[in-house]
Structures are given as structure tokens and as C-alpha cells.
């Protein structure tokens, strides 16, 4: 907010409500960022840097040679194949990292931590974990 309420300028109720809502939003984002980092670092073939203040995670995915070969057959990047399979299987939408100019032979996707409430983020991450295990068991 460009000009947030200040004590003495606005009413006490306005000032307190602003601080309460701001803390709720910030704490929720911190919690979801922690959840994303911990979940990705606990998943098969994933790693993720700690999210520090961003609204997005950009985890790295490692694909087997079989998965990479299948993506080549489909004429798509492996992370694109993964993201489309994730969307079609679970309804979870993420953005393939191949569209962000990542290093050659590395694969990522971008996901937001703005999913609210936090309980819905936890459910989404559980579905993603199940999908990931199934995906990697096929390849």
C-alpha cells in the first residue's frame, strides 16, 4: 500500500484492522512458501531453493532418460510434458521453466504460493506429490 494508515492520523480501529489484515496476509505467504520449499525438497527427483519473499517457487525436476526421450518423441520439452500431464491429471496449473530461458538440460516449473486458504495449498501439494510419484514410476 502506497500510504498505509498510521496511528494518530486514522482511527485506532482503522489502524488496527490494517495491521491485522497485513499480518494475516504476510504470515500466510510465509507459511505457504515454507510448505512449498519443504514439499518439493521431499519429493522424488525434485529440489527447490528456500523461498524468501517471492510469490513463486521454481523447483528443479530431474527426468529419467526415458522421460526425456518420450518428450522428444512428442516434440516438447520434458518440463512442458510434465506440466501438461499434471494439469490434465490433477487440474493443477504450473508454468514450465523451459519458457524462462533456463540452463540447457535443466528442467523446472513455476508455481505460485498465493493459493488460499493455506489448507487448500496443503491439499494441492498432496495431489502434486501423488502425481509426481506416479509420473516418475512410468518413466
N, C-alpha and C. Protein backbone atom coordinates (compact mmCIF):
# COMPACT_ATOMS: atom_id res chain seq x y z
N UNK A 1 0.85 -1.16 0.00
CA UNK A 1 0.00 0.00 0.00
C UNK A 1 0.90 1.23 0.00
N UNK A 2 0.58 2.19 -0.83
CA UNK A 2 1.41 3.38 -1.00
C UNK A 2 1.41 4.26 0.25
N UNK A 3 0.27 4.43 0.85
CA UNK A 3 0.15 5.32 2.00
C UNK A 3 -0.69 4.62 3.08
N UNK A 4 -0.09 3.69 3.81
CA UNK A 4 -0.87 2.91 4.77
C UNK A 4 -1.35 3.77 5.94
N UNK A 5 -2.39 3.30 6.61
CA UNK A 5 -2.88 4.03 7.78
C UNK A 5 -1.78 4.16 8.83
N UNK A 6 -1.75 5.27 9.50
CA UNK A 6 -0.79 5.48 10.58
C UNK A 6 -1.56 5.84 11.85
N UNK A 7 -0.97 5.45 12.97
CA UNK A 7 -1.58 5.72 14.27
C UNK A 7 -1.60 7.24 14.47
N UNK A 8 -2.75 7.73 14.87
CA UNK A 8 -2.91 9.17 15.10
C UNK A 8 -3.50 9.90 13.92
N UNK A 9 -3.21 9.41 12.70
CA UNK A 9 -3.80 10.05 11.52
C UNK A 9 -5.16 9.44 11.23
N UNK A 10 -5.24 8.10 11.27
CA UNK A 10 -6.51 7.40 11.09
C UNK A 10 -7.02 6.95 12.45
N UNK A 11 -8.24 6.48 12.46
CA UNK A 11 -8.81 6.00 13.72
C UNK A 11 -8.04 4.77 14.20
N UNK A 12 -8.09 4.51 15.50
CA UNK A 12 -7.44 3.32 16.06
C UNK A 12 -7.99 2.06 15.42
N UNK A 13 -9.29 2.02 15.17
CA UNK A 13 -9.91 0.84 14.56
C UNK A 13 -9.34 0.60 13.16
N UNK A 14 -9.21 1.65 12.39
CA UNK A 14 -8.66 1.53 11.03
C UNK A 14 -7.22 1.07 11.08
N UNK A 15 -6.41 1.67 11.92
CA UNK A 15 -5.00 1.33 12.06
C UNK A 15 -4.84 -0.13 12.50
N UNK A 16 -5.60 -0.55 13.49
CA UNK A 16 -5.51 -1.92 14.00
C UNK A 16 -5.99 -2.94 12.96
N UNK A 17 -7.06 -2.64 12.26
CA UNK A 17 -7.57 -3.55 11.23
C UNK A 17 -6.54 -3.71 10.10
N UNK A 18 -5.93 -2.61 9.68
CA UNK A 18 -4.91 -2.68 8.64
C UNK A 18 -3.76 -3.59 9.08
N UNK A 19 -3.25 -3.38 10.28
CA UNK A 19 -2.14 -4.20 10.78
C UNK A 19 -2.53 -5.66 10.92
N UNK A 20 -3.74 -5.93 11.35
CA UNK A 20 -4.22 -7.31 11.48
C UNK A 20 -4.29 -7.98 10.11
N UNK A 21 -4.88 -7.31 9.13
CA UNK A 21 -5.01 -7.88 7.79
C UNK A 21 -3.65 -8.05 7.12
N UNK A 22 -2.77 -7.08 7.28
CA UNK A 22 -1.44 -7.17 6.68
C UNK A 22 -0.66 -8.34 7.28
N UNK A 23 -0.71 -8.49 8.59
CA UNK A 23 -0.02 -9.62 9.25
C UNK A 23 -0.59 -10.95 8.79
N UNK A 24 -1.91 -11.03 8.65
CA UNK A 24 -2.56 -12.26 8.19
C UNK A 24 -2.05 -12.64 6.79
N UNK A 25 -1.99 -11.68 5.90
CA UNK A 25 -1.54 -11.93 4.53
C UNK A 25 -0.06 -12.33 4.52
N UNK A 26 0.78 -11.57 5.20
CA UNK A 26 2.22 -11.86 5.22
C UNK A 26 2.51 -13.21 5.86
N UNK A 27 1.87 -13.51 6.98
CA UNK A 27 2.11 -14.80 7.64
C UNK A 27 1.63 -15.97 6.79
N UNK A 28 0.52 -15.79 6.10
CA UNK A 28 0.03 -16.84 5.20
C UNK A 28 1.00 -17.10 4.06
N UNK A 29 1.53 -16.04 3.49
CA UNK A 29 2.50 -16.21 2.40
C UNK A 29 3.77 -16.89 2.89
N UNK A 30 4.24 -16.52 4.08
CA UNK A 30 5.43 -17.16 4.65
C UNK A 30 5.17 -18.65 4.89
N UNK A 31 4.01 -18.98 5.42
CA UNK A 31 3.68 -20.38 5.70
C UNK A 31 3.59 -21.18 4.40
N UNK A 32 2.95 -20.63 3.39
CA UNK A 32 2.83 -21.35 2.12
C UNK A 32 4.19 -21.47 1.43
N UNK A 33 5.04 -20.46 1.55
CA UNK A 33 6.39 -20.54 0.98
C UNK A 33 7.17 -21.67 1.66
N UNK A 34 7.04 -21.77 2.98
CA UNK A 34 7.71 -22.85 3.72
C UNK A 34 7.17 -24.21 3.28
N UNK A 35 5.85 -24.30 3.12
CA UNK A 35 5.23 -25.55 2.68
C UNK A 35 5.75 -25.97 1.31
N UNK A 36 5.82 -25.03 0.39
CA UNK A 36 6.31 -25.33 -0.96
C UNK A 36 7.75 -25.84 -0.90
N UNK A 37 8.61 -25.12 -0.23
CA UNK A 37 10.01 -25.50 -0.14
C UNK A 37 10.17 -26.89 0.45
N UNK A 38 9.52 -27.14 1.58
CA UNK A 38 9.64 -28.45 2.24
C UNK A 38 9.05 -29.57 1.40
N UNK A 39 7.92 -29.31 0.77
CA UNK A 39 7.28 -30.35 -0.05
C UNK A 39 8.17 -30.71 -1.23
N UNK A 40 8.64 -29.71 -1.98
CA UNK A 40 9.46 -30.01 -3.15
C UNK A 40 10.76 -30.71 -2.77
N UNK A 41 11.38 -30.29 -1.70
CA UNK A 41 12.64 -30.93 -1.30
C UNK A 41 12.43 -32.34 -0.77
N UNK A 42 11.20 -32.71 -0.48
CA UNK A 42 10.89 -34.07 -0.04
C UNK A 42 10.35 -34.96 -1.15
N UNK A 43 10.21 -34.43 -2.35
CA UNK A 43 9.64 -35.20 -3.46
C UNK A 43 10.73 -35.86 -4.30
N UNK A 44 10.38 -36.99 -4.89
CA UNK A 44 11.28 -37.71 -5.78
C UNK A 44 11.67 -36.84 -6.97
N UNK A 45 12.98 -36.75 -7.23
CA UNK A 45 13.53 -36.04 -8.39
C UNK A 45 13.28 -34.54 -8.38
N UNK A 46 13.12 -33.94 -7.21
CA UNK A 46 12.89 -32.51 -7.07
C UNK A 46 13.92 -31.90 -6.14
N UNK A 47 14.21 -30.63 -6.37
CA UNK A 47 14.94 -29.82 -5.39
C UNK A 47 14.45 -28.39 -5.56
N UNK A 48 14.50 -27.64 -4.46
CA UNK A 48 13.99 -26.27 -4.51
C UNK A 48 14.75 -25.42 -3.51
N UNK A 49 15.20 -24.25 -3.97
CA UNK A 49 15.81 -23.29 -3.06
C UNK A 49 14.74 -22.78 -2.10
N UNK A 50 15.16 -22.36 -0.93
CA UNK A 50 14.22 -21.78 0.03
C UNK A 50 13.61 -20.52 -0.57
N UNK A 51 12.32 -20.41 -0.44
CA UNK A 51 11.60 -19.25 -0.96
C UNK A 51 11.69 -18.15 0.09
N UNK A 52 12.26 -17.03 -0.29
CA UNK A 52 12.46 -15.93 0.64
C UNK A 52 11.84 -14.65 0.09
N UNK A 53 10.56 -14.50 0.29
CA UNK A 53 9.91 -13.26 -0.07
C UNK A 53 9.28 -13.23 -1.45
N UNK A 54 9.43 -14.27 -2.23
CA UNK A 54 8.82 -14.29 -3.56
C UNK A 54 7.43 -14.92 -3.49
N UNK A 55 6.64 -14.62 -4.50
CA UNK A 55 5.31 -15.24 -4.58
C UNK A 55 5.37 -16.56 -5.34
N UNK A 56 6.53 -16.94 -5.83
CA UNK A 56 6.66 -18.12 -6.67
C UNK A 56 7.77 -19.03 -6.18
N UNK A 57 7.60 -20.30 -6.50
CA UNK A 57 8.68 -21.28 -6.34
C UNK A 57 9.08 -21.70 -7.75
N UNK A 58 10.33 -22.09 -7.91
CA UNK A 58 10.86 -22.51 -9.21
C UNK A 58 11.67 -23.79 -8.99
N UNK A 59 10.98 -24.88 -8.59
CA UNK A 59 11.71 -26.11 -8.27
C UNK A 59 12.33 -26.74 -9.51
N UNK A 60 13.42 -27.44 -9.27
CA UNK A 60 14.11 -28.17 -10.34
C UNK A 60 13.60 -29.61 -10.34
N UNK A 61 13.35 -30.14 -11.54
CA UNK A 61 12.90 -31.52 -11.70
C UNK A 61 13.98 -32.26 -12.48
N UNK A 62 14.29 -33.46 -12.05
CA UNK A 62 15.21 -34.33 -12.80
C UNK A 62 14.38 -35.40 -13.47
N UNK A 63 14.63 -35.58 -14.76
CA UNK A 63 13.89 -36.57 -15.54
C UNK A 63 14.82 -37.71 -15.93
N UNK A 64 14.24 -38.89 -16.01
CA UNK A 64 15.00 -40.05 -16.48
C UNK A 64 15.23 -39.91 -17.98
N UNK A 65 16.16 -40.69 -18.49
CA UNK A 65 16.41 -40.69 -19.93
C UNK A 65 15.15 -41.10 -20.69
N UNK A 66 14.38 -42.02 -20.11
CA UNK A 66 13.13 -42.46 -20.76
C UNK A 66 12.13 -41.31 -20.87
N UNK A 67 12.00 -40.51 -19.81
CA UNK A 67 11.08 -39.38 -19.85
C UNK A 67 11.54 -38.34 -20.87
N UNK A 68 12.83 -38.08 -20.92
CA UNK A 68 13.37 -37.12 -21.89
C UNK A 68 13.14 -37.62 -23.30
N UNK A 69 13.35 -38.92 -23.53
CA UNK A 69 13.11 -39.49 -24.86
C UNK A 69 11.63 -39.38 -25.24
N UNK A 70 10.74 -39.61 -24.29
CA UNK A 70 9.31 -39.50 -24.57
C UNK A 70 8.95 -38.06 -24.93
N UNK A 71 9.51 -37.10 -24.23
CA UNK A 71 9.25 -35.70 -24.55
C UNK A 71 9.75 -35.36 -25.95
N UNK A 72 10.94 -35.89 -26.30
CA UNK A 72 11.46 -35.64 -27.65
C UNK A 72 10.54 -36.23 -28.70
N UNK A 73 9.99 -37.43 -28.45
CA UNK A 73 9.03 -38.03 -29.38
C UNK A 73 7.81 -37.13 -29.57
N UNK A 74 7.42 -36.46 -28.50
CA UNK A 74 6.26 -35.57 -28.54
C UNK A 74 6.63 -34.18 -29.07
N UNK A 75 7.93 -33.93 -29.30
CA UNK A 75 8.45 -32.65 -29.78
C UNK A 75 8.16 -31.51 -28.80
N UNK A 76 8.32 -31.83 -27.49
CA UNK A 76 8.15 -30.82 -26.44
C UNK A 76 9.29 -30.97 -25.43
N UNK A 77 9.49 -29.95 -24.63
CA UNK A 77 10.46 -30.03 -23.54
C UNK A 77 9.92 -30.94 -22.45
N UNK A 78 10.80 -31.65 -21.73
CA UNK A 78 10.32 -32.53 -20.66
C UNK A 78 9.51 -31.82 -19.59
N UNK A 79 9.90 -30.59 -19.22
CA UNK A 79 9.12 -29.91 -18.19
C UNK A 79 7.74 -29.50 -18.72
N UNK A 80 7.65 -29.20 -20.01
CA UNK A 80 6.34 -28.92 -20.61
C UNK A 80 5.47 -30.17 -20.56
N UNK A 81 6.06 -31.32 -20.92
CA UNK A 81 5.31 -32.58 -20.87
C UNK A 81 4.80 -32.84 -19.46
N UNK A 82 5.66 -32.63 -18.47
CA UNK A 82 5.30 -32.85 -17.06
C UNK A 82 4.15 -31.91 -16.66
N UNK A 83 4.28 -30.64 -17.00
CA UNK A 83 3.27 -29.66 -16.61
C UNK A 83 1.91 -29.94 -17.26
N UNK A 84 1.92 -30.34 -18.52
CA UNK A 84 0.66 -30.65 -19.19
C UNK A 84 0.03 -31.92 -18.60
N UNK A 85 0.85 -32.91 -18.30
CA UNK A 85 0.34 -34.13 -17.68
C UNK A 85 -0.22 -33.81 -16.30
N UNK A 86 0.47 -32.96 -15.55
CA UNK A 86 -0.01 -32.53 -14.23
C UNK A 86 -1.36 -31.84 -14.35
N UNK A 87 -1.49 -30.93 -15.29
CA UNK A 87 -2.75 -30.21 -15.49
C UNK A 87 -3.87 -31.16 -15.88
N UNK A 88 -3.60 -32.03 -16.85
CA UNK A 88 -4.64 -32.95 -17.32
C UNK A 88 -5.04 -33.99 -16.28
N UNK A 89 -4.11 -34.35 -15.41
CA UNK A 89 -4.39 -35.38 -14.41
C UNK A 89 -5.00 -34.81 -13.14
N UNK A 90 -4.52 -33.64 -12.71
CA UNK A 90 -4.92 -33.12 -11.40
C UNK A 90 -5.66 -31.79 -11.44
N UNK A 91 -5.56 -31.07 -12.55
CA UNK A 91 -6.12 -29.73 -12.62
C UNK A 91 -5.20 -28.67 -12.06
N UNK A 92 -4.00 -29.06 -11.62
CA UNK A 92 -3.04 -28.11 -11.07
C UNK A 92 -2.28 -27.47 -12.22
N UNK A 93 -2.31 -26.13 -12.28
CA UNK A 93 -1.65 -25.41 -13.37
C UNK A 93 -0.35 -24.79 -12.87
N UNK A 94 0.72 -25.13 -13.53
CA UNK A 94 2.04 -24.54 -13.28
C UNK A 94 2.62 -24.15 -14.64
N UNK A 95 3.66 -23.32 -14.63
CA UNK A 95 4.26 -22.84 -15.87
C UNK A 95 5.60 -23.53 -16.08
N UNK A 96 5.80 -24.19 -17.23
CA UNK A 96 7.09 -24.86 -17.47
C UNK A 96 8.25 -23.88 -17.46
N UNK A 97 9.34 -24.29 -16.87
CA UNK A 97 10.53 -23.46 -16.80
C UNK A 97 11.21 -23.27 -18.14
N UNK A 98 10.94 -24.16 -19.09
CA UNK A 98 11.59 -24.05 -20.40
C UNK A 98 11.24 -22.74 -21.10
N UNK A 99 10.18 -22.09 -20.68
CA UNK A 99 9.81 -20.80 -21.24
C UNK A 99 10.52 -19.63 -20.60
N UNK A 100 11.38 -19.89 -19.60
CA UNK A 100 12.06 -18.84 -18.87
C UNK A 100 13.55 -18.74 -19.18
N UNK A 101 14.03 -19.48 -20.17
CA UNK A 101 15.44 -19.41 -20.53
C UNK A 101 16.35 -20.08 -19.53
N UNK A 102 15.93 -21.22 -19.00
CA UNK A 102 16.76 -21.93 -18.02
C UNK A 102 17.99 -22.53 -18.69
N UNK A 103 18.96 -22.93 -17.88
CA UNK A 103 20.18 -23.55 -18.40
C UNK A 103 19.83 -24.80 -19.20
N UNK A 104 20.62 -25.09 -20.23
CA UNK A 104 20.41 -26.29 -21.03
C UNK A 104 20.43 -27.52 -20.14
N UNK A 105 19.55 -28.46 -20.47
CA UNK A 105 19.45 -29.74 -19.77
C UNK A 105 19.10 -29.60 -18.30
N UNK A 106 18.44 -28.52 -17.92
CA UNK A 106 17.83 -28.41 -16.61
C UNK A 106 16.35 -28.15 -16.82
N UNK A 107 15.55 -28.62 -15.88
CA UNK A 107 14.10 -28.55 -16.06
C UNK A 107 13.46 -28.06 -14.76
N UNK A 108 12.49 -27.17 -14.91
CA UNK A 108 11.84 -26.54 -13.77
C UNK A 108 10.37 -26.30 -14.10
N UNK A 109 9.64 -25.81 -13.12
CA UNK A 109 8.38 -25.15 -13.37
C UNK A 109 8.19 -24.06 -12.32
N UNK A 110 7.28 -23.16 -12.60
CA UNK A 110 6.98 -22.07 -11.66
C UNK A 110 5.58 -22.30 -11.11
N UNK A 111 5.46 -22.16 -9.79
CA UNK A 111 4.18 -22.29 -9.12
C UNK A 111 4.05 -21.13 -8.13
N UNK A 112 2.87 -20.63 -7.96
CA UNK A 112 2.64 -19.52 -7.04
C UNK A 112 2.34 -20.01 -5.63
N UNK A 113 2.62 -19.17 -4.65
CA UNK A 113 2.24 -19.51 -3.28
C UNK A 113 1.04 -18.68 -2.83
N UNK A 114 0.28 -18.16 -3.78
CA UNK A 114 -0.87 -17.32 -3.46
C UNK A 114 -2.16 -18.12 -3.27
N UNK A 115 -2.09 -19.45 -3.42
CA UNK A 115 -3.28 -20.27 -3.23
C UNK A 115 -3.74 -20.10 -1.78
N UNK A 116 -4.99 -19.70 -1.62
CA UNK A 116 -5.54 -19.53 -0.29
C UNK A 116 -6.88 -20.25 -0.18
N UNK A 117 -7.30 -20.67 0.97
CA UNK A 117 -6.55 -20.60 2.22
C UNK A 117 -5.37 -21.58 2.21
N UNK A 118 -4.54 -21.47 3.22
CA UNK A 118 -3.34 -22.31 3.31
C UNK A 118 -3.70 -23.79 3.27
N UNK A 119 -4.84 -24.17 3.84
CA UNK A 119 -5.28 -25.56 3.83
C UNK A 119 -5.47 -26.06 2.40
N UNK A 120 -5.92 -25.18 1.51
CA UNK A 120 -6.09 -25.57 0.10
C UNK A 120 -4.72 -25.78 -0.55
N UNK A 121 -3.73 -25.00 -0.16
CA UNK A 121 -2.37 -25.20 -0.67
C UNK A 121 -1.86 -26.57 -0.24
N UNK A 122 -2.13 -26.94 1.01
CA UNK A 122 -1.69 -28.25 1.51
C UNK A 122 -2.34 -29.38 0.70
N UNK A 123 -3.62 -29.25 0.39
CA UNK A 123 -4.31 -30.26 -0.43
C UNK A 123 -3.74 -30.31 -1.84
N UNK A 124 -3.46 -29.15 -2.41
CA UNK A 124 -2.88 -29.08 -3.75
C UNK A 124 -1.52 -29.76 -3.78
N UNK A 125 -0.69 -29.48 -2.77
CA UNK A 125 0.64 -30.09 -2.72
C UNK A 125 0.56 -31.60 -2.53
N UNK A 126 -0.41 -32.06 -1.79
CA UNK A 126 -0.57 -33.51 -1.63
C UNK A 126 -0.92 -34.16 -2.97
N UNK A 127 -1.83 -33.55 -3.73
CA UNK A 127 -2.17 -34.08 -5.07
C UNK A 127 -0.96 -34.06 -5.98
N UNK A 128 -0.15 -33.00 -5.89
CA UNK A 128 1.06 -32.90 -6.71
C UNK A 128 2.04 -34.01 -6.34
N UNK A 129 2.21 -34.28 -5.05
CA UNK A 129 3.12 -35.35 -4.61
C UNK A 129 2.68 -36.70 -5.16
N UNK A 130 1.39 -36.99 -5.09
CA UNK A 130 0.88 -38.26 -5.60
C UNK A 130 1.12 -38.35 -7.11
N UNK A 131 0.80 -37.27 -7.82
CA UNK A 131 1.04 -37.24 -9.26
C UNK A 131 2.51 -37.48 -9.57
N UNK A 132 3.39 -36.79 -8.86
CA UNK A 132 4.83 -36.89 -9.13
C UNK A 132 5.33 -38.33 -8.97
N UNK A 133 4.90 -39.01 -7.94
CA UNK A 133 5.32 -40.40 -7.74
C UNK A 133 4.83 -41.28 -8.91
N UNK A 134 3.60 -41.05 -9.32
CA UNK A 134 3.04 -41.82 -10.43
C UNK A 134 3.78 -41.51 -11.73
N UNK A 135 4.03 -40.24 -11.97
CA UNK A 135 4.72 -39.83 -13.19
C UNK A 135 6.09 -40.50 -13.28
N UNK A 136 6.87 -40.41 -12.22
CA UNK A 136 8.22 -40.95 -12.26
C UNK A 136 8.24 -42.49 -12.25
N UNK A 137 7.18 -43.10 -11.77
CA UNK A 137 7.13 -44.57 -11.83
C UNK A 137 6.87 -45.06 -13.26
N UNK A 138 6.28 -44.20 -14.10
CA UNK A 138 6.05 -44.57 -15.51
C UNK A 138 7.32 -44.46 -16.34
N UNK A 139 8.26 -43.65 -15.88
CA UNK A 139 9.47 -43.42 -16.65
C UNK A 139 10.68 -43.85 -15.87
